[in-house]
Amino acid sequence: MSRKLATEADSAAIIRLPCSAPLKGNIRGVLFELCNVLYDDTVWRLWVLRVLAQLGLHTNYRSFFHVWGRDYMAEVHRGQKTFGEAFRAFLLSAGLSPGQIDEVEAACRARRLELQRTARLLPGVKSTLARLYNAGMVLAAVADSERPAAVIEEQLQRFAAGKMFTAVVSSIDLGRTMPDAVCYQSALHAMNLPAGEVAFVGHDTTRLAGAAAVGMSTVAVNYQPGVEADVYVTRFDELLDLFGPPRAMAAAG
């Protein structure tokens, strides 16, 4: 399931550039936000909402999981709490009883592991990554995740995309989460490129802002309402209009 893009009302104040508009500087690398850019991370959350609705808790997806990410999951991604500890605390704050929490946690744990095991790249991602890689672009990924980079790399290998990435950076290895500059700088160091030669492709407002703060150009895809970026694309393969053909010709010449 792809994420809903910004509506006209939400994005009326945003100045959008055509996807083919040039980015500042000589872009030689692309750093990707992992979740909801390369693959869909919303399926488990939507399933959780359906389970909670059966228990009589009806809530808004965006506001509910905004609190989850900001106040609970960030600690998991920094290695300060386990996922189970954070999830139980979150459900307790939402008003569930201890018995309901036990029931929801057991069901959601199994479902989450299954979805992680069967996750697939979003449409157009694999072919676009391959063309960018073959054009000579340096590719890397950064994730706020409770899984270390080595595990994420294994997942990318299962996607048959692992060889395309020069580096994978995970928050739990750093003890920091985006938009902390260390997350981006660690990826840039591994890519061996300065910030001005790398574009960050993301969907989350604060993570895009963090990338811009360290000097990267920013590209929004599957983006949240009100997000700010240098360029907005509606399909992943539109990245080829930004990076692909020019780089391919340059490599050939």
Foldseek 3Di string as FASTA:
>chain_A
DAFDDADCVLCVVADADPLLDADPDAAQAEEEAPDNQFFDPCPLLVVLQVLVVVVVQHDDSPVLVVCLVPPALLCLLLVNDPPLVSQLVSVVVSPDDPVSSVVSSVVSVVVVVVCLVVIETDPPNQVLLVLLLLLNGAYEYEYSDNDAQVVVLVSCVVNVNNVSHQYYGGNNVVSDDPLPLVRVVVRCVSSVHQQQNYEYEEAEQRRQVSSVVRPHAYEYESHDRPHHGPHYDDDSNSVCSHRGPVSNVVVVD
